[in-house]
Amino acid sequence: MHWAAIGGHTAAGQALADAGANLFAMTTSQMSVLHASSEAGRAGFSDFLVKRAGDRKNELFNARDASGKLAIELATMVSLFRLSTSIQ
């Protein structure tokens, strides 16, 4: 699921979820699937993931990686980096 998130492959994520993949899986560095899609700047995949999580979406929002960061913090850093490089 993490690789689908990093690549922004929402259809693959859907197929994996339909087959029972864990939306809340964590890597050894405590990176959630939402962390992976957020860090990769894959907003479409993040949206799919949050919708698919339903009532458990707060588990995604509140998960912290090994460095203590929330997925939203990673998404914000990616957005700021993209903005700064686009105005140079």
N, C-alpha and C. Protein backbone atom coordinates (compact mmCIF):
# COMPACT_ATOMS: atom_id res chain seq x y z
N MET A 1 0.83 -1.19 0.00
CA MET A 1 0.00 0.00 0.00
C MET A 1 0.87 1.25 0.00
N HIS A 2 2.01 1.20 0.72
CA HIS A 2 2.90 2.36 0.75
C HIS A 2 3.43 2.71 -0.64
N TRP A 3 3.78 1.70 -1.44
CA TRP A 3 4.31 1.97 -2.78
C TRP A 3 3.24 2.58 -3.67
N ALA A 4 2.01 2.13 -3.54
CA ALA A 4 0.91 2.73 -4.30
C ALA A 4 0.73 4.19 -3.88
N ALA A 5 0.85 4.45 -2.59
CA ALA A 5 0.71 5.81 -2.07
C ALA A 5 1.81 6.72 -2.60
N ILE A 6 3.04 6.25 -2.57
CA ILE A 6 4.18 7.05 -3.04
C ILE A 6 4.04 7.37 -4.52
N GLY A 7 3.57 6.40 -5.30
CA GLY A 7 3.41 6.61 -6.72
C GLY A 7 2.12 7.31 -7.10
N GLY A 8 1.23 7.49 -6.14
CA GLY A 8 -0.06 8.13 -6.43
C GLY A 8 -0.98 7.24 -7.25
N HIS A 9 -0.82 5.94 -7.11
CA HIS A 9 -1.61 4.98 -7.89
C HIS A 9 -2.89 4.62 -7.14
N THR A 10 -3.87 5.50 -7.26
CA THR A 10 -5.11 5.34 -6.52
C THR A 10 -5.86 4.07 -6.90
N ALA A 11 -5.88 3.72 -8.18
CA ALA A 11 -6.57 2.49 -8.59
C ALA A 11 -5.91 1.27 -7.96
N ALA A 12 -4.60 1.27 -7.89
CA ALA A 12 -3.89 0.16 -7.24
C ALA A 12 -4.21 0.14 -5.74
N GLY A 13 -4.26 1.31 -5.13
CA GLY A 13 -4.62 1.39 -3.71
C GLY A 13 -6.02 0.87 -3.47
N GLN A 14 -6.93 1.20 -4.35
CA GLN A 14 -8.31 0.71 -4.25
C GLN A 14 -8.33 -0.81 -4.34
N ALA A 15 -7.60 -1.35 -5.32
CA ALA A 15 -7.56 -2.81 -5.49
C ALA A 15 -6.94 -3.49 -4.27
N LEU A 16 -5.89 -2.90 -3.73
CA LEU A 16 -5.26 -3.46 -2.54
C LEU A 16 -6.20 -3.41 -1.34
N ALA A 17 -6.87 -2.28 -1.17
CA ALA A 17 -7.82 -2.14 -0.06
C ALA A 17 -8.97 -3.13 -0.21
N ASP A 18 -9.47 -3.29 -1.43
CA ASP A 18 -10.55 -4.25 -1.68
C ASP A 18 -10.11 -5.68 -1.35
N ALA A 19 -8.80 -5.94 -1.52
CA ALA A 19 -8.26 -7.27 -1.23
C ALA A 19 -7.88 -7.44 0.24
N GLY A 20 -8.10 -6.39 1.04
CA GLY A 20 -7.86 -6.50 2.47
C GLY A 20 -6.58 -5.88 2.98
N ALA A 21 -5.89 -5.09 2.14
CA ALA A 21 -4.66 -4.45 2.60
C ALA A 21 -4.97 -3.51 3.77
N ASN A 22 -4.01 -3.39 4.65
CA ASN A 22 -4.16 -2.58 5.85
C ASN A 22 -3.91 -1.10 5.54
N LEU A 23 -4.95 -0.28 5.62
CA LEU A 23 -4.82 1.16 5.39
C LEU A 23 -4.01 1.85 6.48
N PHE A 24 -3.85 1.19 7.60
CA PHE A 24 -3.20 1.77 8.76
C PHE A 24 -1.81 1.18 9.01
N ALA A 25 -1.28 0.48 8.02
CA ALA A 25 0.03 -0.15 8.16
C ALA A 25 1.11 0.90 8.36
N MET A 26 2.12 0.53 9.14
CA MET A 26 3.25 1.43 9.41
C MET A 26 4.54 0.73 8.99
N THR A 27 5.48 1.53 8.50
CA THR A 27 6.81 1.00 8.18
C THR A 27 7.61 0.87 9.47
N THR A 28 8.82 0.37 9.37
CA THR A 28 9.67 0.27 10.57
C THR A 28 10.04 1.64 11.11
N SER A 29 9.95 2.68 10.28
CA SER A 29 10.21 4.05 10.76
C SER A 29 8.90 4.77 11.12
N GLN A 30 7.86 3.96 11.33
CA GLN A 30 6.55 4.47 11.76
C GLN A 30 5.89 5.38 10.73
N MET A 31 6.21 5.20 9.46
CA MET A 31 5.57 5.99 8.41
C MET A 31 4.28 5.28 8.00
N SER A 32 3.17 5.99 8.14
CA SER A 32 1.89 5.43 7.74
C SER A 32 1.72 5.57 6.23
N VAL A 33 0.68 4.97 5.72
CA VAL A 33 0.37 5.10 4.29
C VAL A 33 0.06 6.57 3.99
N LEU A 34 -0.63 7.24 4.89
CA LEU A 34 -0.92 8.67 4.70
C LEU A 34 0.35 9.50 4.73
N HIS A 35 1.30 9.16 5.60
CA HIS A 35 2.59 9.84 5.59
C HIS A 35 3.26 9.68 4.22
N ALA A 36 3.23 8.47 3.68
CA ALA A 36 3.88 8.19 2.40
C ALA A 36 3.26 9.02 1.27
N SER A 37 1.94 9.05 1.19
CA SER A 37 1.31 9.82 0.12
C SER A 37 1.50 11.32 0.33
N SER A 38 1.49 11.76 1.57
CA SER A 38 1.67 13.19 1.87
C SER A 38 3.08 13.64 1.52
N GLU A 39 4.06 12.87 1.92
CA GLU A 39 5.45 13.23 1.64
C GLU A 39 5.73 13.23 0.13
N ALA A 40 5.04 12.37 -0.60
CA ALA A 40 5.22 12.30 -2.05
C ALA A 40 4.38 13.34 -2.79
N GLY A 41 3.56 14.07 -2.05
CA GLY A 41 2.72 15.09 -2.68
C GLY A 41 1.57 14.52 -3.48
N ARG A 42 1.08 13.36 -3.09
CA ARG A 42 0.01 12.68 -3.81
C ARG A 42 -1.34 12.95 -3.15
N ALA A 43 -1.86 14.15 -3.36
CA ALA A 43 -3.11 14.58 -2.72
C ALA A 43 -4.29 13.68 -3.10
N GLY A 44 -4.34 13.23 -4.34
CA GLY A 44 -5.44 12.36 -4.76
C GLY A 44 -5.45 11.05 -4.00
N PHE A 45 -4.27 10.48 -3.78
CA PHE A 45 -4.20 9.23 -3.02
C PHE A 45 -4.55 9.49 -1.56
N SER A 46 -4.07 10.60 -1.02
CA SER A 46 -4.40 10.93 0.37
C SER A 46 -5.91 11.08 0.54
N ASP A 47 -6.55 11.73 -0.41
CA ASP A 47 -8.01 11.90 -0.37
C ASP A 47 -8.71 10.54 -0.39
N PHE A 48 -8.29 9.67 -1.31
CA PHE A 48 -8.85 8.31 -1.36
C PHE A 48 -8.70 7.61 -0.02
N LEU A 49 -7.50 7.69 0.55
CA LEU A 49 -7.20 6.99 1.80
C LEU A 49 -8.09 7.47 2.94
N VAL A 50 -8.23 8.77 3.06
CA VAL A 50 -9.05 9.34 4.14
C VAL A 50 -10.51 8.93 3.96
N LYS A 51 -11.02 9.00 2.74
CA LYS A 51 -12.39 8.58 2.49
C LYS A 51 -12.59 7.11 2.79
N ARG A 52 -11.63 6.30 2.37
CA ARG A 52 -11.73 4.84 2.59
C ARG A 52 -11.66 4.49 4.07
N ALA A 53 -10.91 5.28 4.85
CA ALA A 53 -10.78 5.02 6.29
C ALA A 53 -12.08 5.28 7.04
N GLY A 54 -12.95 6.11 6.46
CA GLY A 54 -14.26 6.37 7.08
C GLY A 54 -14.15 6.90 8.50
N ASP A 55 -14.84 6.24 9.41
CA ASP A 55 -14.89 6.67 10.81
C ASP A 55 -13.54 6.56 11.50
N ARG A 56 -12.59 5.85 10.90
CA ARG A 56 -11.27 5.69 11.51
C ARG A 56 -10.25 6.69 10.96
N LYS A 57 -10.70 7.69 10.20
CA LYS A 57 -9.77 8.64 9.58
C LYS A 57 -8.90 9.37 10.59
N ASN A 58 -9.40 9.59 11.79
CA ASN A 58 -8.59 10.28 12.80
C ASN A 58 -7.35 9.48 13.18
N GLU A 59 -7.41 8.17 13.05
CA GLU A 59 -6.22 7.35 13.29
C GLU A 59 -5.13 7.72 12.29
N LEU A 60 -5.53 7.98 11.04
CA LEU A 60 -4.57 8.41 10.03
C LEU A 60 -4.03 9.79 10.34
N PHE A 61 -4.94 10.71 10.68
CA PHE A 61 -4.54 12.09 10.94
C PHE A 61 -3.62 12.22 12.15
N ASN A 62 -3.84 11.39 13.17
CA ASN A 62 -3.10 11.52 14.43
C ASN A 62 -1.84 10.68 14.51
N ALA A 63 -1.58 9.84 13.52
CA ALA A 63 -0.38 9.00 13.55
C ALA A 63 0.87 9.86 13.35
N ARG A 64 1.88 9.57 14.13
CA ARG A 64 3.17 10.28 14.03
C ARG A 64 4.24 9.30 13.57
N ASP A 65 5.13 9.81 12.73
CA ASP A 65 6.24 8.96 12.28
C ASP A 65 7.33 8.93 13.35
N ALA A 66 8.43 8.28 13.07
CA ALA A 66 9.50 8.12 14.05
C ALA A 66 10.10 9.45 14.49
N SER A 67 10.00 10.47 13.65
CA SER A 67 10.52 11.78 14.02
C SER A 67 9.46 12.66 14.68
N GLY A 68 8.28 12.10 14.89
CA GLY A 68 7.21 12.81 15.58
C GLY A 68 6.32 13.66 14.70
N LYS A 69 6.47 13.54 13.39
CA LYS A 69 5.70 14.37 12.47
C LYS A 69 4.36 13.72 12.09
N LEU A 70 3.35 14.56 11.95
CA LEU A 70 2.06 14.15 11.42
C LEU A 70 2.13 14.20 9.90
N ALA A 71 1.24 13.48 9.24
CA ALA A 71 1.21 13.49 7.77
C ALA A 71 0.95 14.89 7.23
N ILE A 72 0.12 15.66 7.90
CA ILE A 72 -0.19 17.02 7.44
C ILE A 72 1.06 17.90 7.45
N GLU A 73 1.96 17.65 8.38
CA GLU A 73 3.20 18.42 8.43
C GLU A 73 4.07 18.10 7.20
N LEU A 74 4.11 16.84 6.82
CA LEU A 74 4.87 16.47 5.63
C LEU A 74 4.25 17.08 4.38
N ALA A 75 2.93 17.04 4.29
CA ALA A 75 2.23 17.62 3.13
C ALA A 75 2.50 19.12 3.04
N THR A 76 2.51 19.79 4.17
CA THR A 76 2.77 21.23 4.19
C THR A 76 4.19 21.53 3.73
N MET A 77 5.15 20.75 4.19
CA MET A 77 6.54 20.96 3.76
C MET A 77 6.69 20.76 2.26
N VAL A 78 6.05 19.74 1.72
CA VAL A 78 6.11 19.48 0.27
C VAL A 78 5.49 20.64 -0.49
N SER A 79 4.35 21.13 -0.04
CA SER A 79 3.68 22.24 -0.71
C SER A 79 4.53 23.51 -0.67
N LEU A 80 5.13 23.79 0.46
CA LEU A 80 5.98 24.98 0.57
C LEU A 80 7.21 24.86 -0.32
N PHE A 81 7.79 23.68 -0.38
CA PHE A 81 8.96 23.46 -1.25
C PHE A 81 8.57 23.68 -2.71
N ARG A 82 7.46 23.12 -3.13
CA ARG A 82 7.00 23.28 -4.51
C ARG A 82 6.72 24.74 -4.83
N LEU A 83 6.13 25.45 -3.89
CA LEU A 83 5.85 26.86 -4.09
C LEU A 83 7.15 27.65 -4.23
N SER A 84 8.10 27.37 -3.35
CA SER A 84 9.36 28.13 -3.38
C SER A 84 10.14 27.88 -4.65
N THR A 85 10.10 26.65 -5.17
CA THR A 85 10.83 26.37 -6.40
C THR A 85 10.12 26.91 -7.62
N SER A 86 8.81 27.08 -7.54
CA SER A 86 8.07 27.59 -8.69
C SER A 86 8.21 29.11 -8.86
N ILE A 87 8.57 29.82 -7.79
CA ILE A 87 8.70 31.28 -7.90
C ILE A 87 10.14 31.72 -8.11
N GLN A 88 11.04 30.79 -8.21
CA GLN A 88 12.46 31.15 -8.43
C GLN A 88 12.74 31.32 -9.90
